[in-house]
Every structure is written in C-alpha cells, then in structure tokens.
Amino acid sequence: MSPRTVHVVKPGLETSVQELPGRVGFLEQGFPVSGPFDPWSFRLANLLVGNVRDTAALECQMIGPALRFEAEALVAVTGADMMPTIDGTPVPMWRTLRARAGQHLELGAARSGMRAYVAISGGVATEPVMGSRAVFHMAGVGGRALKAGQSIPLGVPDGEARLAAVPEAIRPVFPSDRRWLVEALLGPNDDWLSEEAIGMFFSSDWTVQAKSNRTGLRLTGPAFSFAHRALHKSPDHGQDPSNIIDHGYPLGAVNLAGQTPIILVNDSPSTGGFINPFTVASAALWKLGQARPGETLRFRPVDRAEAGELRRALDRATSPDVLVAA
C-alpha cells in the first residue's frame, strides 16, 4: 500500500504547515501562537476535504508550491487566487477535488490576496511540537518552510467525505480596489494618545509596508500626537512618548514604535515596551493575512459587543452547514 505522503516538488514562497488554535500556553516562554494567518479560508479548506476544521494544513504565501500525491486523497484550495492546476489542467478553488496517486497539484503566483490554503483529507501529520503542528518557521519551532524534495506525512481520513463547494456568498471577499476596511477596538493604551490622534487613526489611510510578515504588518501613514501622560511620565517608562514599561501585547495589537504602527500578528512577540493604542478585532485578523504590501487599510472603530458578534458570525461561516454538494 502506498504511503500517505505528499512530495514537495517546488516549495513556493515560505509555504508552511499551520494548525488551529496554534501553540497555546507558551507565550511566557517567548513562543508565539502561530497558526494560519487567514483562519476563515483555512477552516473552509479543511471542511471541504472532510477534516475537522482546525486540522493541520498548508499555508502558501504569494507563490504556491508544486506537490505530488503519493496516495489518492481529497484536496481543496482556498484563500488567495493562485490558479491551481492538477497535472497542468486548471481546477476550481473553494471545492473538493480528487487527486490520484502520482498526480501533481501546482499553485502559481497570487492574482488577488496574499495567502492560499491547501487542505488534504486526513490532514498533515507532522510531529507536534509543544502541543501543536503550527510552524513558527523564523525560529524553526515545529519545523520550517517547505523545501524541495521533502515528504509531508498525511493522516488517515475519517470516513468518506462528500464532494462539496463553498458558496460564493460564504467566502471571504478580497476588495478589488486594494482597500481593506478593518475593525479595531480602542485600547489597551489609547489614553497615551491625544484625542486628535485617535480620530486621525480611524479617519486616515494606512499603507502596508513591504517590510511586513507573519510577525507584524508595518504601516505608513500620518504622524501621531500624544496625551499629557505620555509627554510627562516617569523615566522608567523610557524616553520616547510611545515607550512604556514592558507589558503584555495582545494578538492584533497596533503597536506604536515611535511613529510606526506595527500590527502584531501570529508570530509576533508577546511583550515589549511600546504602547498599543488599538487592537484589531479577532474576526478581522484574516484581512491582515490577505492584505498585500502597498494595499491600504482603513480602520473602523467597534466596541467589545460588536467585536464579539463579528467573531460569532465568522464561527457560523466556518461550520460544515455552509457547504453545498458539488
């Protein structure tokens, strides 16, 4: 019987294994949560191949990989449009596909969006590290980005999955004008900014810098002004108005390093000495995973109640009930 593996013919750009909820419980030791940058697309890919929606799968960044199946499997590609093919023939995204042993799945350069997801029936079965298969590849935790010639082990499918598709109305929408509306909350350190700066943040365009990755999205935009407490503070807070005594950073924090906002995402540090005046709502983090360098972010203020409802709506959009027969 052929081994349930996938052979990496071409690795693509920083293709990595990811899993939800990520590496939970190790922040105090300096290990980030990691996990898929766009959990919406990631979960839908898993559902299409009959996996539990948080099962380990592949995240592909900008340029996808070429993979050879060593055993028959179901596969699905979601997220950024990387024009997938099987044995050179174009195949649709957002639906279940059958791959026979020896067939090649290849993804190209993303036409829209930033990251695509490849889920395979049975899931990726690499060895967990600290309770998770999610890869923090910059530090080699849980492995690194794929390399040519590598074999990826697969788990055993749990039953026969039906061929299915994700209706277009349920898929995440990538804006055609390269402008993203991102929901964000005040805090935890919004009182270190002036009222004018808070209004400016929500009314301005912010450009994603090329120096952005799974650690943080650097933004270019207007300058911030600071509240009295940031300009008249004790020396132990540091010299710059954006400095503060080291404290914990929430996932999605808009970390203000001098005048450069850096949104802290999946592989970000968990503590530091800069203020976090805003935090991106958890249900909007997928947008950061699909925003490309040079694209524009515009932030919309939400409170905790609305952020919670957005999270519940995203959870409903990634349930098996959303799939239709293909």
C-alpha atoms as a PDB file:
ATOM      1  CA  MET A   1       0.000   0.000   0.000  1.00  0.00           C
ATOM      2  CA  SER A   2       1.388   3.428  -0.948  1.00  0.00           C
ATOM      3  CA  PRO A   3       2.363   5.633   1.996  1.00  0.00           C
ATOM      4  CA  ARG A   4       0.055   8.537   2.685  1.00  0.00           C
ATOM      5  CA  THR A   5       2.511  11.291   1.877  1.00  0.00           C
ATOM      6  CA  VAL A   6       2.814  14.291  -0.390  1.00  0.00           C
ATOM      7  CA  HIS A   7       6.133  15.006  -2.092  1.00  0.00           C
ATOM      8  CA  VAL A   8       7.260  18.627  -2.394  1.00  0.00           C
ATOM      9  CA  VAL A   9       8.384  19.240  -5.999  1.00  0.00           C
ATOM     10  CA  LYS A  10       8.620  23.025  -5.583  1.00  0.00           C
ATOM     11  CA  PRO A  11       8.201  24.657  -2.168  1.00  0.00           C
ATOM     12  CA  GLY A  12       6.729  28.018  -3.187  1.00  0.00           C
ATOM     13  CA  LEU A  13       7.434  31.072  -1.034  1.00  0.00           C
ATOM     14  CA  GLU A  14       7.533  30.244   2.692  1.00  0.00           C
ATOM     15  CA  THR A  15       4.871  27.541   2.449  1.00  0.00           C
ATOM     16  CA  SER A  16       4.354  26.181   5.957  1.00  0.00           C
ATOM     17  CA  VAL A  17       2.249  23.760   7.979  1.00  0.00           C
ATOM     18  CA  GLN A  18      -0.300  25.533  10.191  1.00  0.00           C
ATOM     19  CA  GLU A  19      -2.946  24.359  12.639  1.00  0.00           C
ATOM     20  CA  LEU A  20      -5.560  25.880  14.933  1.00  0.00           C
ATOM     21  CA  PRO A  21      -5.667  27.057  17.656  1.00  0.00           C
ATOM     22  CA  GLY A  22      -1.899  27.208  17.339  1.00  0.00           C
ATOM     23  CA  ARG A  23       0.713  26.816  20.057  1.00  0.00           C
ATOM     24  CA  VAL A  24      -1.287  27.820  23.114  1.00  0.00           C
ATOM     25  CA  GLY A  25       0.230  28.220  26.583  1.00  0.00           C
ATOM     26  CA  PHE A  26       3.819  29.179  25.819  1.00  0.00           C
ATOM     27  CA  LEU A  27       3.725  32.967  25.451  1.00  0.00           C
ATOM     28  CA  GLU A  28       5.522  33.486  28.766  1.00  0.00           C
ATOM     29  CA  GLN A  29       8.394  31.390  27.379  1.00  0.00           C
ATOM     30  CA  GLY A  30       8.609  33.517  24.237  1.00  0.00           C
ATOM     31  CA  PHE A  31       6.855  31.167  21.797  1.00  0.00           C
ATOM     32  CA  PRO A  32       4.070  32.803  19.735  1.00  0.00           C
ATOM     33  CA  VAL A  33       0.748  31.170  18.959  1.00  0.00           C
ATOM     34  CA  SER A  34       1.438  30.949  15.181  1.00  0.00           C
ATOM     35  CA  GLY A  35      -1.363  29.190  13.258  1.00  0.00           C
ATOM     36  CA  PRO A  36      -2.974  30.232   9.942  1.00  0.00           C
ATOM     37  CA  PHE A  37      -2.970  33.953   9.144  1.00  0.00           C
ATOM     38  CA  ASP A  38      -6.388  33.668   7.484  1.00  0.00           C
ATOM     39  CA  PRO A  39      -8.357  31.208   9.650  1.00  0.00           C
ATOM     40  CA  TRP A  40     -11.532  31.734   7.621  1.00  0.00           C
ATOM     41  CA  SER A  41     -10.054  30.347   4.383  1.00  0.00           C
ATOM     42  CA  PHE A  42      -8.057  27.740   6.331  1.00  0.00           C
ATOM     43  CA  ARG A  43     -11.115  26.276   8.043  1.00  0.00           C
ATOM     44  CA  LEU A  44     -13.184  26.154   4.868  1.00  0.00           C
ATOM     45  CA  ALA A  45     -10.407  24.228   3.108  1.00  0.00           C
ATOM     46  CA  ASN A  46     -10.455  21.596   5.846  1.00  0.00           C
ATOM     47  CA  LEU A  47     -14.227  21.263   5.787  1.00  0.00           C
ATOM     48  CA  LEU A  48     -14.159  20.665   2.031  1.00  0.00           C
ATOM     49  CA  VAL A  49     -11.981  17.555   2.433  1.00  0.00           C
ATOM     50  CA  GLY A  50     -13.882  16.138   5.397  1.00  0.00           C
ATOM     51  CA  ASN A  51     -11.405  17.153   8.093  1.00  0.00           C
ATOM     52  CA  VAL A  52     -12.171  18.731  11.421  1.00  0.00           C
ATOM     53  CA  ARG A  53     -11.917  22.420  10.543  1.00  0.00           C
ATOM     54  CA  ASP A  54      -8.817  23.113  12.708  1.00  0.00           C
ATOM     55  CA  THR A  55      -6.738  20.222  11.271  1.00  0.00           C
ATOM     56  CA  ALA A  56      -3.162  20.920  10.129  1.00  0.00           C
ATOM     57  CA  ALA A  57      -2.935  22.094   6.511  1.00  0.00           C
ATOM     58  CA  LEU A  58      -0.590  24.148   4.308  1.00  0.00           C
ATOM     59  CA  GLU A  59      -0.393  27.942   4.173  1.00  0.00           C
ATOM     60  CA  CYS A  60       1.061  29.315   0.920  1.00  0.00           C
ATOM     61  CA  GLN A  61       2.357  32.877   0.669  1.00  0.00           C
ATOM     62  CA  MET A  62       2.300  34.832  -2.637  1.00  0.00           C
ATOM     63  CA  ILE A  63       3.722  31.952  -4.720  1.00  0.00           C
ATOM     64  CA  GLY A  64       2.353  28.477  -4.151  1.00  0.00           C
ATOM     65  CA  PRO A  65       4.062  25.090  -4.178  1.00  0.00           C
ATOM     66  CA  ALA A  66       4.017  22.127  -6.557  1.00  0.00           C
ATOM     67  CA  LEU A  67       3.084  18.881  -4.808  1.00  0.00           C
ATOM     68  CA  ARG A  68       2.983  15.238  -5.946  1.00  0.00           C
ATOM     69  CA  PHE A  69       0.495  12.918  -4.260  1.00  0.00           C
ATOM     70  CA  GLU A  70       1.890   9.507  -3.323  1.00  0.00           C
ATOM     71  CA  ALA A  71      -1.580   8.187  -2.475  1.00  0.00           C
ATOM     72  CA  GLU A  72      -5.115   9.058  -3.518  1.00  0.00           C
ATOM     73  CA  ALA A  73      -6.590  11.916  -1.493  1.00  0.00           C
ATOM     74  CA  LEU A  74      -9.160  14.655  -1.460  1.00  0.00           C
ATOM     75  CA  VAL A  75      -7.716  18.162  -1.650  1.00  0.00           C
ATOM     76  CA  ALA A  76      -9.082  21.716  -1.559  1.00  0.00           C
ATOM     77  CA  VAL A  77      -7.519  25.107  -2.241  1.00  0.00           C
ATOM     78  CA  THR A  78      -8.953  28.292  -0.713  1.00  0.00           C
ATOM     79  CA  GLY A  79      -7.855  31.846   0.051  1.00  0.00           C
ATOM     80  CA  ALA A  80      -5.764  33.873  -2.405  1.00  0.00           C
ATOM     81  CA  ASP A  81      -6.299  33.038  -6.079  1.00  0.00           C
ATOM     82  CA  MET A  82      -3.144  31.112  -7.033  1.00  0.00           C
ATOM     83  CA  MET A  83      -4.691  29.494 -10.135  1.00  0.00           C
ATOM     84  CA  PRO A  84      -4.285  25.845  -9.069  1.00  0.00           C
ATOM     85  CA  THR A  85      -3.790  23.076 -11.597  1.00  0.00           C
ATOM     86  CA  ILE A  86      -3.723  19.291 -11.387  1.00  0.00           C
ATOM     87  CA  ASP A  87      -1.363  17.778 -13.967  1.00  0.00           C
ATOM     88  CA  GLY A  88      -1.420  21.122 -15.775  1.00  0.00           C
ATOM     89  CA  THR A  89      -5.206  21.358 -16.039  1.00  0.00           C
ATOM     90  CA  PRO A  90      -6.830  24.298 -14.211  1.00  0.00           C
ATOM     91  CA  VAL A  91      -9.034  23.240 -11.306  1.00  0.00           C
ATOM     92  CA  PRO A  92     -11.506  25.318  -9.292  1.00  0.00           C
ATOM     93  CA  MET A  93     -10.826  26.708  -5.849  1.00  0.00           C
ATOM     94  CA  TRP A  94     -13.300  26.543  -2.954  1.00  0.00           C
ATOM     95  CA  ARG A  95     -14.433  22.992  -3.752  1.00  0.00           C
ATOM     96  CA  THR A  96     -13.415  19.390  -3.120  1.00  0.00           C
ATOM     97  CA  LEU A  97     -11.024  17.855  -5.655  1.00  0.00           C
ATOM     98  CA  ARG A  98      -9.878  14.256  -6.103  1.00  0.00           C
ATOM     99  CA  ALA A  99      -6.161  13.667  -6.562  1.00  0.00           C
ATOM    100  CA  ARG A 100      -4.885  10.248  -7.646  1.00  0.00           C
ATOM    101  CA  ALA A 101      -1.517   8.808  -6.673  1.00  0.00           C
ATOM    102  CA  GLY A 102       1.163  10.330  -8.901  1.00  0.00           C
ATOM    103  CA  GLN A 103      -0.793  13.466  -9.791  1.00  0.00           C
ATOM    104  CA  HIS A 104       0.689  16.923  -9.338  1.00  0.00           C
ATOM    105  CA  LEU A 105      -1.083  19.881  -7.736  1.00  0.00           C
ATOM    106  CA  GLU A 106       0.589  23.182  -8.552  1.00  0.00           C
ATOM    107  CA  LEU A 107      -0.212  26.716  -7.379  1.00  0.00           C
ATOM    108  CA  GLY A 108       1.106  29.812  -9.132  1.00  0.00           C
ATOM    109  CA  ALA A 109       1.562  33.440  -8.084  1.00  0.00           C
ATOM    110  CA  ALA A 110      -1.390  35.016  -6.288  1.00  0.00           C
ATOM    111  CA  ARG A 111      -3.582  37.158  -8.542  1.00  0.00           C
ATOM    112  CA  SER A 112      -5.529  38.526  -5.574  1.00  0.00           C
ATOM    113  CA  GLY A 113      -4.999  38.153  -1.874  1.00  0.00           C
ATOM    114  CA  MET A 114      -1.766  37.118  -0.188  1.00  0.00           C
ATOM    115  CA  ARG A 115      -2.169  33.587   1.192  1.00  0.00           C
ATOM    116  CA  ALA A 116      -3.794  30.382  -0.065  1.00  0.00           C
ATOM    117  CA  TYR A 117      -4.528  27.219   1.894  1.00  0.00           C
ATOM    118  CA  VAL A 118      -4.194  23.593   0.791  1.00  0.00           C
ATOM    119  CA  ALA A 119      -6.072  21.046   2.905  1.00  0.00           C
ATOM    120  CA  ILE A 120      -5.754  17.308   2.291  1.00  0.00           C
ATOM    121  CA  SER A 121      -8.047  14.558   3.580  1.00  0.00           C
ATOM    122  CA  GLY A 122      -6.612  13.116   6.787  1.00  0.00           C
ATOM    123  CA  GLY A 123      -4.669  16.311   7.432  1.00  0.00           C
ATOM    124  CA  VAL A 124      -0.951  16.934   7.629  1.00  0.00           C
ATOM    125  CA  ALA A 125       0.517  14.555  10.216  1.00  0.00           C
ATOM    126  CA  THR A 126       3.855  16.110  11.108  1.00  0.00           C
ATOM    127  CA  GLU A 127       5.111  15.645  14.662  1.00  0.00           C
ATOM    128  CA  PRO A 128       3.564  18.139  17.122  1.00  0.00           C
ATOM    129  CA  VAL A 129       5.970  20.403  18.993  1.00  0.00           C
ATOM    130  CA  MET A 130       4.744  21.780  22.320  1.00  0.00           C
ATOM    131  CA  GLY A 131       1.272  20.555  21.553  1.00  0.00           C
ATOM    132  CA  SER A 132       0.898  21.926  18.037  1.00  0.00           C
ATOM    133  CA  ARG A 133       1.885  21.280  14.421  1.00  0.00           C
ATOM    134  CA  ALA A 134       1.795  25.037  13.676  1.00  0.00           C
ATOM    135  CA  VAL A 135       5.139  26.198  12.283  1.00  0.00           C
ATOM    136  CA  PHE A 136       6.946  29.305  13.543  1.00  0.00           C
ATOM    137  CA  HIS A 137       9.448  28.958  10.731  1.00  0.00           C
ATOM    138  CA  MET A 138      11.579  32.053  11.514  1.00  0.00           C
ATOM    139  CA  ALA A 139      12.747  30.241  14.657  1.00  0.00           C
ATOM    140  CA  GLY A 140      12.293  26.682  13.411  1.00  0.00           C
ATOM    141  CA  VAL A 141       9.667  25.851  16.027  1.00  0.00           C
ATOM    142  CA  GLY A 142       7.526  22.995  14.737  1.00  0.00           C
ATOM    143  CA  GLY A 143       9.625  22.867  11.573  1.00  0.00           C
ATOM    144  CA  ARG A 144      10.401  25.386   8.853  1.00  0.00           C
ATOM    145  CA  ALA A 145       9.042  26.425   5.483  1.00  0.00           C
ATOM    146  CA  LEU A 146       8.768  23.564   2.987  1.00  0.00           C
ATOM    147  CA  LYS A 147      11.798  22.531   0.952  1.00  0.00           C
ATOM    148  CA  ALA A 148      12.017  20.779  -2.403  1.00  0.00           C
ATOM    149  CA  GLY A 149      12.317  17.011  -2.013  1.00  0.00           C
ATOM    150  CA  GLN A 150      10.566  16.950   1.346  1.00  0.00           C
ATOM    151  CA  SER A 151       7.841  14.385   2.067  1.00  0.00           C
ATOM    152  CA  ILE A 152       4.819  15.547   4.050  1.00  0.00           C
ATOM    153  CA  PRO A 153       3.109  12.780   6.053  1.00  0.00           C
ATOM    154  CA  LEU A 154      -0.681  12.620   5.988  1.00  0.00           C
ATOM    155  CA  GLY A 155      -3.169  11.265   8.485  1.00  0.00           C
ATOM    156  CA  VAL A 156      -5.849   8.696   7.737  1.00  0.00           C
ATOM    157  CA  PRO A 157      -9.192  10.165   6.599  1.00  0.00           C
ATOM    158  CA  ASP A 158     -12.094   9.658   8.965  1.00  0.00           C
ATOM    159  CA  GLY A 159     -14.696   8.162   6.670  1.00  0.00           C
ATOM    160  CA  GLU A 160     -15.679   9.099   3.124  1.00  0.00           C
ATOM    161  CA  ALA A 161     -16.091  12.830   2.592  1.00  0.00           C
ATOM    162  CA  ARG A 162     -18.650  14.110   0.111  1.00  0.00           C
ATOM    163  CA  LEU A 163     -17.655  16.321  -2.776  1.00  0.00           C
ATOM    164  CA  ALA A 164     -18.645  19.825  -1.759  1.00  0.00           C
ATOM    165  CA  ALA A 165     -18.230  23.502  -2.563  1.00  0.00           C
ATOM    166  CA  VAL A 166     -18.289  26.760  -0.627  1.00  0.00           C
ATOM    167  CA  PRO A 167     -20.979  29.141  -1.951  1.00  0.00           C
ATOM    168  CA  GLU A 168     -19.539  32.441  -3.100  1.00  0.00           C
ATOM    169  CA  ALA A 169     -21.639  34.321  -0.525  1.00  0.00           C
ATOM    170  CA  ILE A 170     -19.841  32.476   2.297  1.00  0.00           C
ATOM    171  CA  ARG A 171     -16.278  33.074   1.056  1.00  0.00           C
ATOM    172  CA  PRO A 172     -14.124  35.931   2.346  1.00  0.00           C
ATOM    173  CA  VAL A 173     -14.220  38.910  -0.011  1.00  0.00           C
ATOM    174  CA  PHE A 174     -10.949  40.379  -1.294  1.00  0.00           C
ATOM    175  CA  PRO A 175     -11.508  44.027  -2.317  1.00  0.00           C
ATOM    176  CA  SER A 176     -10.933  44.786  -5.985  1.00  0.00           C
ATOM    177  CA  ASP A 177      -9.763  48.332  -5.177  1.00  0.00           C
ATOM    178  CA  ARG A 178      -6.959  47.110  -2.842  1.00  0.00           C
ATOM    179  CA  ARG A 179      -8.568  48.906   0.128  1.00  0.00           C
ATOM    180  CA  TRP A 180      -9.426  46.952   3.272  1.00  0.00           C
ATOM    181  CA  LEU A 181     -11.865  48.046   5.968  1.00  0.00           C
ATOM    182  CA  VAL A 182     -10.533  46.596   9.234  1.00  0.00           C
ATOM    183  CA  GLU A 183     -12.472  46.594  12.514  1.00  0.00           C
ATOM    184  CA  ALA A 184     -10.477  47.696  15.568  1.00  0.00           C
ATOM    185  CA  LEU A 185     -11.086  48.430  19.250  1.00  0.00           C
ATOM    186  CA  LEU A 186      -9.636  51.132  21.466  1.00  0.00           C
ATOM    187  CA  GLY A 187      -7.005  50.012  23.933  1.00  0.00           C
ATOM    188  CA  PRO A 188      -5.278  48.910  25.883  1.00  0.00           C
ATOM    189  CA  ASN A 189      -3.145  52.106  25.794  1.00  0.00           C
ATOM    190  CA  ASP A 190      -5.362  54.560  23.887  1.00  0.00           C
ATOM    191  CA  ASP A 191      -5.118  57.047  26.794  1.00  0.00           C
ATOM    192  CA  TRP A 192      -1.474  57.651  25.832  1.00  0.00           C
ATOM    193  CA  LEU A 193      -2.609  59.319  22.595  1.00  0.00           C
ATOM    194  CA  SER A 194      -4.319  62.671  22.166  1.00  0.00           C
ATOM    195  CA  GLU A 195      -7.992  62.706  21.190  1.00  0.00           C
ATOM    196  CA  GLU A 196      -6.929  64.178  17.856  1.00  0.00           C
ATOM    197  CA  ALA A 197      -4.586  61.228  17.229  1.00  0.00           C
ATOM    198  CA  ILE A 198      -7.328  58.720  17.960  1.00  0.00           C
ATOM    199  CA  GLY A 199      -9.643  60.429  15.493  1.00  0.00           C
ATOM    200  CA  MET A 200      -6.815  60.625  12.952  1.00  0.00           C
ATOM    201  CA  PHE A 201      -6.139  56.890  13.208  1.00  0.00           C
ATOM    202  CA  PHE A 202      -9.711  55.973  12.300  1.00  0.00           C
ATOM    203  CA  SER A 203     -10.082  58.601   9.570  1.00  0.00           C
ATOM    204  CA  SER A 204      -6.798  58.049   7.713  1.00  0.00           C
ATOM    205  CA  ASP A 205      -5.493  55.646   5.082  1.00  0.00           C
ATOM    206  CA  TRP A 206      -2.633  53.359   6.136  1.00  0.00           C
ATOM    207  CA  THR A 207      -0.387  51.636   3.606  1.00  0.00           C
ATOM    208  CA  VAL A 208       1.005  48.148   4.253  1.00  0.00           C
ATOM    209  CA  GLN A 209       4.785  48.291   4.004  1.00  0.00           C
ATOM    210  CA  ALA A 210       6.892  45.714   2.162  1.00  0.00           C
ATOM    211  CA  LYS A 211       8.631  45.032   5.497  1.00  0.00           C
ATOM    212  CA  SER A 212       5.629  43.059   6.717  1.00  0.00           C
ATOM    213  CA  ASN A 213       5.348  39.356   7.519  1.00  0.00           C
ATOM    214  CA  ARG A 214       3.768  36.890   9.953  1.00  0.00           C
ATOM    215  CA  THR A 215       5.427  38.755  12.828  1.00  0.00           C
ATOM    216  CA  GLY A 216       3.876  42.127  12.102  1.00  0.00           C
ATOM    217  CA  LEU A 217       2.367  44.418   9.469  1.00  0.00           C
ATOM    218  CA  ARG A 218       4.210  47.747   9.320  1.00  0.00           C
ATOM    219  CA  LEU A 219       2.083  50.672   8.230  1.00  0.00           C
ATOM    220  CA  THR A 220       2.834  54.050   6.679  1.00  0.00           C
ATOM    221  CA  GLY A 221       0.549  56.989   7.449  1.00  0.00           C
ATOM    222  CA  PRO A 222       0.196  60.295   9.331  1.00  0.00           C
ATOM    223  CA  ALA A 223       2.120  61.175  12.500  1.00  0.00           C
ATOM    224  CA  PHE A 224       0.607  60.640  15.954  1.00  0.00           C
ATOM    225  CA  SER A 225       0.302  63.196  18.735  1.00  0.00           C
ATOM    226  CA  PHE A 226       0.366  62.149  22.372  1.00  0.00           C
ATOM    227  CA  ALA A 227      -1.565  62.745  25.562  1.00  0.00           C
ATOM    228  CA  HIS A 228      -0.162  64.576  28.576  1.00  0.00           C
ATOM    229  CA  ARG A 229       0.666  61.323  30.382  1.00  0.00           C
ATOM    230  CA  ALA A 230       2.938  60.199  27.511  1.00  0.00           C
ATOM    231  CA  LEU A 231       4.804  63.513  27.436  1.00  0.00           C
ATOM    232  CA  HIS A 232       5.149  63.895  31.220  1.00  0.00           C
ATOM    233  CA  LYS A 233       5.914  60.415  32.521  1.00  0.00           C
ATOM    234  CA  SER A 234       8.422  58.935  34.942  1.00  0.00           C
ATOM    235  CA  PRO A 235      11.828  57.974  33.485  1.00  0.00           C
ATOM    236  CA  ASP A 236      11.199  54.244  33.944  1.00  0.00           C
ATOM    237  CA  HIS A 237       8.742  54.407  31.037  1.00  0.00           C
ATOM    238  CA  GLY A 238      11.514  55.334  28.591  1.00  0.00           C
ATOM    239  CA  GLN A 239      12.334  58.479  26.640  1.00  0.00           C
ATOM    240  CA  ASP A 240      10.090  58.312  23.555  1.00  0.00           C
ATOM    241  CA  PRO A 241       6.395  59.217  24.068  1.00  0.00           C
ATOM    242  CA  SER A 242       5.463  55.795  22.683  1.00  0.00           C
ATOM    243  CA  ASN A 243       7.616  53.972  25.255  1.00  0.00           C
ATOM    244  CA  ILE A 244       6.005  52.342  28.275  1.00  0.00           C
ATOM    245  CA  ILE A 245       7.139  49.913  30.967  1.00  0.00           C
ATOM    246  CA  ASP A 246       7.302  46.441  29.422  1.00  0.00           C
ATOM    247  CA  HIS A 247       3.892  44.799  29.391  1.00  0.00           C
ATOM    248  CA  GLY A 248       1.947  42.111  27.542  1.00  0.00           C
ATOM    249  CA  TYR A 249       0.907  42.574  23.917  1.00  0.00           C
ATOM    250  CA  PRO A 250      -2.470  41.222  22.743  1.00  0.00           C
ATOM    251  CA  LEU A 251      -2.737  39.453  19.394  1.00  0.00           C
ATOM    252  CA  GLY A 252      -3.779  42.061  16.827  1.00  0.00           C
ATOM    253  CA  ALA A 253      -2.364  44.961  18.832  1.00  0.00           C
ATOM    254  CA  VAL A 254      -1.467  48.094  16.884  1.00  0.00           C
ATOM    255  CA  ASN A 255       1.970  48.519  18.426  1.00  0.00           C
ATOM    256  CA  LEU A 256       3.287  52.090  18.100  1.00  0.00           C
ATOM    257  CA  ALA A 257       7.081  52.025  17.778  1.00  0.00           C
ATOM    258  CA  GLY A 258       7.905  55.734  17.660  1.00  0.00           C
ATOM    259  CA  GLN A 259       5.717  56.857  14.775  1.00  0.00           C
ATOM    260  CA  THR A 260       5.465  53.475  13.019  1.00  0.00           C
ATOM    261  CA  PRO A 261       2.338  51.406  13.720  1.00  0.00           C
ATOM    262  CA  ILE A 262       3.076  47.666  13.610  1.00  0.00           C
ATOM    263  CA  ILE A 263       0.120  45.297  13.872  1.00  0.00           C
ATOM    264  CA  LEU A 264       1.256  42.306  15.912  1.00  0.00           C
ATOM    265  CA  VAL A 265       0.016  39.094  14.360  1.00  0.00           C
ATOM    266  CA  ASN A 266       0.516  35.311  14.515  1.00  0.00           C
ATOM    267  CA  ASP A 267       4.276  35.094  15.062  1.00  0.00           C
ATOM    268  CA  SER A 268       4.658  38.347  16.997  1.00  0.00           C
ATOM    269  CA  PRO A 269       6.393  38.904  20.353  1.00  0.00           C
ATOM    270  CA  SER A 270       4.120  38.787  23.380  1.00  0.00           C
ATOM    271  CA  THR A 271       5.706  41.559  25.465  1.00  0.00           C
ATOM    272  CA  GLY A 272       7.600  44.794  24.968  1.00  0.00           C
ATOM    273  CA  GLY A 273       7.992  48.431  25.808  1.00  0.00           C
ATOM    274  CA  PHE A 274       5.790  50.240  23.275  1.00  0.00           C
ATOM    275  CA  ILE A 275       2.185  51.321  23.664  1.00  0.00           C
ATOM    276  CA  ASN A 276      -0.712  49.533  21.961  1.00  0.00           C
ATOM    277  CA  PRO A 277      -3.418  52.191  21.484  1.00  0.00           C
ATOM    278  CA  PHE A 278      -5.667  49.937  19.351  1.00  0.00           C
ATOM    279  CA  THR A 279      -6.341  46.235  18.831  1.00  0.00           C
ATOM    280  CA  VAL A 280      -7.711  44.678  15.647  1.00  0.00           C
ATOM    281  CA  ALA A 281     -10.837  42.604  16.321  1.00  0.00           C
ATOM    282  CA  SER A 282     -10.120  38.871  16.179  1.00  0.00           C
ATOM    283  CA  ALA A 283     -12.736  38.399  13.443  1.00  0.00           C
ATOM    284  CA  ALA A 284     -10.840  40.878  11.239  1.00  0.00           C
ATOM    285  CA  LEU A 285      -7.377  39.306  11.577  1.00  0.00           C
ATOM    286  CA  TRP A 286      -7.942  37.273   8.393  1.00  0.00           C
ATOM    287  CA  LYS A 287      -7.957  40.522   6.419  1.00  0.00           C
ATOM    288  CA  LEU A 288      -4.419  41.256   7.584  1.00  0.00           C
ATOM    289  CA  GLY A 289      -3.359  37.839   6.310  1.00  0.00           C
ATOM    290  CA  GLN A 290      -4.658  38.678   2.821  1.00  0.00           C
ATOM    291  CA  ALA A 291      -3.597  42.347   2.567  1.00  0.00           C
ATOM    292  CA  ARG A 292      -0.614  42.739   0.242  1.00  0.00           C
ATOM    293  CA  PRO A 293       2.244  45.257   0.526  1.00  0.00           C
ATOM    294  CA  GLY A 294       1.160  48.551  -0.993  1.00  0.00           C
ATOM    295  CA  GLU A 295      -2.515  47.979  -0.236  1.00  0.00           C
ATOM    296  CA  THR A 296      -4.496  50.312   2.011  1.00  0.00           C
ATOM    297  CA  LEU A 297      -6.039  49.671   5.409  1.00  0.00           C
ATOM    298  CA  ARG A 298      -8.812  51.853   6.800  1.00  0.00           C
ATOM    299  CA  PHE A 299      -9.844  51.157  10.383  1.00  0.00           C
ATOM    300  CA  ARG A 300     -13.414  51.177  11.649  1.00  0.00           C
ATOM    301  CA  PRO A 301     -13.995  51.554  15.403  1.00  0.00           C
ATOM    302  CA  VAL A 302     -16.011  48.803  17.101  1.00  0.00           C
ATOM    303  CA  ASP A 303     -16.735  48.072  20.741  1.00  0.00           C
ATOM    304  CA  ARG A 304     -16.404  44.723  22.502  1.00  0.00           C
ATOM    305  CA  ALA A 305     -20.042  43.807  21.886  1.00  0.00           C
ATOM    306  CA  GLU A 306     -19.763  44.271  18.118  1.00  0.00           C
ATOM    307  CA  ALA A 307     -16.372  42.536  18.046  1.00  0.00           C
ATOM    308  CA  GLY A 308     -17.969  39.557  19.787  1.00  0.00           C
ATOM    309  CA  GLU A 309     -20.830  39.419  17.297  1.00  0.00           C
ATOM    310  CA  LEU A 310     -18.347  39.560  14.395  1.00  0.00           C
ATOM    311  CA  ARG A 311     -16.478  36.632  15.935  1.00  0.00           C
ATOM    312  CA  ARG A 312     -19.680  34.618  16.288  1.00  0.00           C
ATOM    313  CA  ALA A 313     -20.635  35.380  12.682  1.00  0.00           C
ATOM    314  CA  LEU A 314     -17.226  34.167  11.498  1.00  0.00           C
ATOM    315  CA  ASP A 315     -17.664  30.992  13.523  1.00  0.00           C
ATOM    316  CA  ARG A 316     -21.021  30.375  11.831  1.00  0.00           C
ATOM    317  CA  ALA A 317     -19.426  30.976   8.409  1.00  0.00           C
ATOM    318  CA  THR A 318     -16.923  28.186   9.046  1.00  0.00           C
ATOM    319  CA  SER A 319     -19.335  25.458  10.106  1.00  0.00           C
ATOM    320  CA  PRO A 320     -19.961  22.324   7.987  1.00  0.00           C
ATOM    321  CA  ASP A 321     -23.502  23.551   7.354  1.00  0.00           C
ATOM    322  CA  VAL A 322     -22.277  26.210   4.895  1.00  0.00           C
ATOM    323  CA  LEU A 323     -21.094  23.646   2.324  1.00  0.00           C
ATOM    324  CA  VAL A 324     -23.211  22.614  -0.646  1.00  0.00           C
ATOM    325  CA  ALA A 325     -22.975  19.455  -2.748  1.00  0.00           C
ATOM    326  CA  ALA A 326     -20.685  19.722  -5.765  1.00  0.00           C
END
